[in-house]
Each structure stands twice: as structure tokens, then as C-alpha cells.
Amino acid sequence: MGPAYFVIAIFGCGDGAVDCRTVAAPAAHYATEQACLAARADALIANNDLDFPTLLAQCLPGSRKASAAEAAPEPAVAAAT
């Protein structure tokens, strides 16, 4: 059985998408991973005021919480630079 829902985590990163940390987690929940993936660009636009050289958006299963201690997101995420 898969996750009940997905959420988007916004990561703020230094130059070159290194030293990333969670900086926002919009409250929206998505029923499918595809719906979450489709919403990443809008989530980045809504959070483009964050003061980082690079912002990344990653979909996470609802049972897993994004945390600042989490490893940097995988390269297959939406990015805004």
C-alpha cells in the first residue's frame, strides 16, 4: 500500500544546489504523486521570495515529514534559480 497523500517540500540551496535545507512546506496535500509533481512549479513561484540562490521543490509521501536534517533532494526536482 502506498502513501495516503503527497506534500511538496521547498528546499533552499546554495550555489550549485548544494547545502540544501527545508525552508517551506505548503499545506496542500495531493492525492497522487502525479498531481503533486504537476503542482511543483506553482509552489516554487509562490515561494520565490525566499532568499536562496536556488530553490528546489520535491514531492514527499504524506507519512514522511520534510525536515532540515533531511539529505539534499535528488536532482529530479523542479528548480528555480
C-alpha atoms as a PDB file:
ATOM      1  CA  MET A   1       0.000   0.000   0.000  1.00  0.00           C
ATOM      2  CA  GLY A   2       1.357   3.427  -0.968  1.00  0.00           C
ATOM      3  CA  PRO A   3       1.175   6.704   0.895  1.00  0.00           C
ATOM      4  CA  ALA A   4      -2.221   8.261   1.597  1.00  0.00           C
ATOM      5  CA  TYR A   5      -1.148  11.603   0.118  1.00  0.00           C
ATOM      6  CA  PHE A   6       1.839  13.639  -1.047  1.00  0.00           C
ATOM      7  CA  VAL A   7       3.135  17.050   0.013  1.00  0.00           C
ATOM      8  CA  ILE A   8       5.610  19.472  -1.532  1.00  0.00           C
ATOM      9  CA  ALA A   9       8.734  20.480   0.377  1.00  0.00           C
ATOM     10  CA  ILE A  10      10.624  23.588  -0.739  1.00  0.00           C
ATOM     11  CA  PHE A  11      14.393  23.440  -0.236  1.00  0.00           C
ATOM     12  CA  GLY A  12      16.659  26.488  -0.224  1.00  0.00           C
ATOM     13  CA  CYS A  13      20.143  25.764  -1.533  1.00  0.00           C
ATOM     14  CA  GLY A  14      23.459  27.498  -2.019  1.00  0.00           C
ATOM     15  CA  ASP A  15      25.017  27.965  -5.434  1.00  0.00           C
ATOM     16  CA  GLY A  16      25.154  24.734  -7.411  1.00  0.00           C
ATOM     17  CA  ALA A  17      22.202  23.294  -5.468  1.00  0.00           C
ATOM     18  CA  VAL A  18      24.410  22.311  -2.521  1.00  0.00           C
ATOM     19  CA  ASP A  19      23.866  22.712   1.209  1.00  0.00           C
ATOM     20  CA  CYS A  20      20.080  22.440   0.846  1.00  0.00           C
ATOM     21  CA  ARG A  21      17.659  22.754   3.747  1.00  0.00           C
ATOM     22  CA  THR A  22      13.900  22.747   4.064  1.00  0.00           C
ATOM     23  CA  VAL A  23      12.583  26.312   4.015  1.00  0.00           C
ATOM     24  CA  ALA A  24       8.862  25.858   3.332  1.00  0.00           C
ATOM     25  CA  ALA A  25       6.222  23.158   3.201  1.00  0.00           C
ATOM     26  CA  PRO A  26       2.964  24.392   1.670  1.00  0.00           C
ATOM     27  CA  ALA A  27      -0.084  22.967   3.440  1.00  0.00           C
ATOM     28  CA  ALA A  28      -1.644  21.446   0.315  1.00  0.00           C
ATOM     29  CA  HIS A  29      -1.992  17.664   0.141  1.00  0.00           C
ATOM     30  CA  TYR A  30      -2.138  15.808  -3.184  1.00  0.00           C
ATOM     31  CA  ALA A  31      -3.958  12.526  -3.698  1.00  0.00           C
ATOM     32  CA  THR A  32      -1.416  11.240  -6.224  1.00  0.00           C
ATOM     33  CA  GLU A  33       2.272  11.723  -6.864  1.00  0.00           C
ATOM     34  CA  GLN A  34       1.444  12.903 -10.390  1.00  0.00           C
ATOM     35  CA  ALA A  35      -0.773  15.693  -9.035  1.00  0.00           C
ATOM     36  CA  CYS A  36       1.990  16.705  -6.640  1.00  0.00           C
ATOM     37  CA  LEU A  37       4.596  16.735  -9.401  1.00  0.00           C
ATOM     38  CA  ALA A  38       2.322  18.893 -11.552  1.00  0.00           C
ATOM     39  CA  ALA A  39       1.995  21.449  -8.729  1.00  0.00           C
ATOM     40  CA  ARG A  40       5.733  21.880  -8.013  1.00  0.00           C
ATOM     41  CA  ALA A  41       6.289  24.783 -10.419  1.00  0.00           C
ATOM     42  CA  ASP A  42       3.413  26.760  -8.899  1.00  0.00           C
ATOM     43  CA  ALA A  43       4.763  26.059  -5.395  1.00  0.00           C
ATOM     44  CA  LEU A  44       8.171  27.408  -6.427  1.00  0.00           C
ATOM     45  CA  ILE A  45       6.591  30.538  -7.895  1.00  0.00           C
ATOM     46  CA  ALA A  46       4.583  31.084  -4.706  1.00  0.00           C
ATOM     47  CA  ASN A  47       7.780  30.818  -2.631  1.00  0.00           C
ATOM     48  CA  ASN A  48      10.181  32.713  -4.894  1.00  0.00           C
ATOM     49  CA  ASP A  49      10.662  35.423  -2.258  1.00  0.00           C
ATOM     50  CA  LEU A  50      12.887  33.140  -0.174  1.00  0.00           C
ATOM     51  CA  ASP A  51      16.485  34.384  -0.029  1.00  0.00           C
ATOM     52  CA  PHE A  52      18.443  31.495  -1.569  1.00  0.00           C
ATOM     53  CA  PRO A  53      20.382  31.272  -4.855  1.00  0.00           C
ATOM     54  CA  THR A  54      18.483  28.089  -5.748  1.00  0.00           C
ATOM     55  CA  LEU A  55      15.093  26.755  -4.684  1.00  0.00           C
ATOM     56  CA  LEU A  56      14.063  23.129  -5.229  1.00  0.00           C
ATOM     57  CA  ALA A  57      10.650  21.520  -4.858  1.00  0.00           C
ATOM     58  CA  GLN A  58      10.297  17.848  -4.034  1.00  0.00           C
ATOM     59  CA  CYS A  59       7.191  15.716  -3.558  1.00  0.00           C
ATOM     60  CA  LEU A  60       7.259  13.620  -0.401  1.00  0.00           C
ATOM     61  CA  PRO A  61       4.877  10.915   0.791  1.00  0.00           C
ATOM     62  CA  GLY A  62       2.490  12.229   3.444  1.00  0.00           C
ATOM     63  CA  SER A  63       3.789   9.772   6.019  1.00  0.00           C
ATOM     64  CA  ARG A  64       7.268  11.270   5.775  1.00  0.00           C
ATOM     65  CA  LYS A  65       7.834  14.776   7.112  1.00  0.00           C
ATOM     66  CA  ALA A  66      10.323  17.114   5.494  1.00  0.00           C
ATOM     67  CA  SER A  67      12.939  18.233   7.978  1.00  0.00           C
ATOM     68  CA  ALA A  68      16.016  20.402   7.960  1.00  0.00           C
ATOM     69  CA  ALA A  69      18.066  17.331   8.861  1.00  0.00           C
ATOM     70  CA  GLU A  70      16.979  15.558   5.686  1.00  0.00           C
ATOM     71  CA  ALA A  71      19.569  14.952   2.991  1.00  0.00           C
ATOM     72  CA  ALA A  72      19.614  17.208  -0.059  1.00  0.00           C
ATOM     73  CA  PRO A  73      16.877  16.410  -2.570  1.00  0.00           C
ATOM     74  CA  GLU A  74      17.553  14.279  -5.623  1.00  0.00           C
ATOM     75  CA  PRO A  75      18.342  16.090  -8.881  1.00  0.00           C
ATOM     76  CA  ALA A  76      14.990  15.134 -10.457  1.00  0.00           C
ATOM     77  CA  VAL A  77      13.092  18.002  -8.816  1.00  0.00           C
ATOM     78  CA  ALA A  78      11.730  21.249 -10.128  1.00  0.00           C
ATOM     79  CA  ALA A  79      14.225  24.058  -9.612  1.00  0.00           C
ATOM     80  CA  ALA A  80      14.120  27.824  -9.748  1.00  0.00           C
ATOM     81  CA  THR A  81      17.364  29.768  -9.918  1.00  0.00           C
END
